[in-house]
C-alpha cells in the first residue's frame, strides 16, 4: 500500500507559520504603498516621493518583522 504524502503535524505548523509570515509581509508592504499614494494625493510634489518612501518603509518593516520572528522561534 502506498504511503500517504500528507505532511506531519510539525510540517503543517511550519507551513502555516511561513504562509502567515508571507501574508503579513504582503499586507505591510501594501499599507506602506497605499499610505504613500494617499500622501502624494494630499501633498502633490510632482514626483511620487511619498509612495517611494512608503514602499521602502513597508519593505524594511516587513523584513524586520520576519527576521525578528525567525530569531525568536529558533
C-alpha atoms as a PDB file:
ATOM      1  CA  UNK A   1       0.000   0.000   0.000  1.00  0.00           C
ATOM      2  CA  UNK A   2       1.458   3.436  -0.899  1.00  0.00           C
ATOM      3  CA  UNK A   3       2.353   5.751   1.939  1.00  0.00           C
ATOM      4  CA  UNK A   4       0.461   8.962   2.374  1.00  0.00           C
ATOM      5  CA  UNK A   5       2.271  12.110   1.204  1.00  0.00           C
ATOM      6  CA  UNK A   6       0.462  14.151   3.789  1.00  0.00           C
ATOM      7  CA  UNK A   7       2.784  16.394   5.840  1.00  0.00           C
ATOM      8  CA  UNK A   8       3.226  15.660   9.529  1.00  0.00           C
ATOM      9  CA  UNK A   9       1.848  17.944  12.248  1.00  0.00           C
ATOM     10  CA  UNK A  10       5.230  19.660  12.677  1.00  0.00           C
ATOM     11  CA  UNK A  11       5.478  20.319   8.957  1.00  0.00           C
ATOM     12  CA  UNK A  12       1.912  21.636   8.869  1.00  0.00           C
ATOM     13  CA  UNK A  13       2.723  24.072  11.685  1.00  0.00           C
ATOM     14  CA  UNK A  14       5.806  25.326   9.867  1.00  0.00           C
ATOM     15  CA  UNK A  15       3.862  25.668   6.625  1.00  0.00           C
ATOM     16  CA  UNK A  16       1.142  27.648   8.373  1.00  0.00           C
ATOM     17  CA  UNK A  17       3.704  29.863  10.118  1.00  0.00           C
ATOM     18  CA  UNK A  18       5.553  30.711   6.886  1.00  0.00           C
ATOM     19  CA  UNK A  19       2.313  31.259   4.989  1.00  0.00           C
ATOM     20  CA  UNK A  20       1.110  33.696   7.621  1.00  0.00           C
ATOM     21  CA  UNK A  21       4.516  35.409   7.572  1.00  0.00           C
ATOM     22  CA  UNK A  22       4.256  35.916   3.797  1.00  0.00           C
ATOM     23  CA  UNK A  23       0.727  37.288   4.157  1.00  0.00           C
ATOM     24  CA  UNK A  24       1.871  39.654   6.884  1.00  0.00           C
ATOM     25  CA  UNK A  25       4.728  40.864   4.674  1.00  0.00           C
ATOM     26  CA  UNK A  26       2.370  41.489   1.759  1.00  0.00           C
ATOM     27  CA  UNK A  27      -0.086  43.428   3.932  1.00  0.00           C
ATOM     28  CA  UNK A  28       2.690  45.536   5.475  1.00  0.00           C
ATOM     29  CA  UNK A  29       4.153  46.449   2.086  1.00  0.00           C
ATOM     30  CA  UNK A  30       0.688  47.161   0.675  1.00  0.00           C
ATOM     31  CA  UNK A  31      -0.128  49.503   3.569  1.00  0.00           C
ATOM     32  CA  UNK A  32       3.157  51.374   3.109  1.00  0.00           C
ATOM     33  CA  UNK A  33       2.484  51.885  -0.595  1.00  0.00           C
ATOM     34  CA  UNK A  34      -1.163  52.817  -0.001  1.00  0.00           C
ATOM     35  CA  UNK A  35      -0.244  55.393   2.641  1.00  0.00           C
ATOM     36  CA  UNK A  36       2.406  56.799   0.297  1.00  0.00           C
ATOM     37  CA  UNK A  37      -0.118  57.133  -2.522  1.00  0.00           C
ATOM     38  CA  UNK A  38      -2.584  58.873  -0.221  1.00  0.00           C
ATOM     39  CA  UNK A  39       0.140  61.262   0.991  1.00  0.00           C
ATOM     40  CA  UNK A  40       1.122  62.015  -2.635  1.00  0.00           C
ATOM     41  CA  UNK A  41      -2.521  62.809  -3.414  1.00  0.00           C
ATOM     42  CA  UNK A  42      -2.729  65.110  -0.404  1.00  0.00           C
ATOM     43  CA  UNK A  43       0.638  66.833  -0.920  1.00  0.00           C
ATOM     44  CA  UNK A  44       1.465  66.684  -4.663  1.00  0.00           C
ATOM     45  CA  UNK A  45       5.162  67.390  -5.232  1.00  0.00           C
ATOM     46  CA  UNK A  46       5.469  66.434  -8.890  1.00  0.00           C
ATOM     47  CA  UNK A  47       7.214  63.142  -8.178  1.00  0.00           C
ATOM     48  CA  UNK A  48       5.754  60.302  -6.104  1.00  0.00           C
ATOM     49  CA  UNK A  49       8.258  60.698  -3.267  1.00  0.00           C
ATOM     50  CA  UNK A  50       5.826  59.606  -0.539  1.00  0.00           C
ATOM     51  CA  UNK A  51       4.962  56.455  -2.474  1.00  0.00           C
ATOM     52  CA  UNK A  52       8.658  55.632  -2.727  1.00  0.00           C
ATOM     53  CA  UNK A  53       9.219  56.317   0.959  1.00  0.00           C
ATOM     54  CA  UNK A  54       6.116  54.340   1.949  1.00  0.00           C
ATOM     55  CA  UNK A  55       7.070  51.334  -0.168  1.00  0.00           C
ATOM     56  CA  UNK A  56      10.627  51.279   1.164  1.00  0.00           C
ATOM     57  CA  UNK A  57       9.400  51.703   4.737  1.00  0.00           C
ATOM     58  CA  UNK A  58       6.924  48.837   4.219  1.00  0.00           C
ATOM     59  CA  UNK A  59       9.642  46.535   2.898  1.00  0.00           C
ATOM     60  CA  UNK A  60      12.024  47.413   5.742  1.00  0.00           C
ATOM     61  CA  UNK A  61       9.311  46.861   8.355  1.00  0.00           C
ATOM     62  CA  UNK A  62       8.246  43.554   6.777  1.00  0.00           C
ATOM     63  CA  UNK A  63      11.808  42.221   6.659  1.00  0.00           C
ATOM     64  CA  UNK A  64      12.405  43.349  10.254  1.00  0.00           C
ATOM     65  CA  UNK A  65       9.307  41.508  11.481  1.00  0.00           C
ATOM     66  CA  UNK A  66      10.260  38.329   9.613  1.00  0.00           C
ATOM     67  CA  UNK A  67      13.818  38.364  10.966  1.00  0.00           C
ATOM     68  CA  UNK A  68      12.543  39.008  14.487  1.00  0.00           C
ATOM     69  CA  UNK A  69      10.055  36.121  14.252  1.00  0.00           C
ATOM     70  CA  UNK A  70      12.606  33.705  12.813  1.00  0.00           C
ATOM     71  CA  UNK A  71      15.168  34.516  15.507  1.00  0.00           C
ATOM     72  CA  UNK A  72      12.527  34.276  18.236  1.00  0.00           C
ATOM     73  CA  UNK A  73      11.370  30.820  17.101  1.00  0.00           C
ATOM     74  CA  UNK A  74      14.847  29.306  16.980  1.00  0.00           C
END
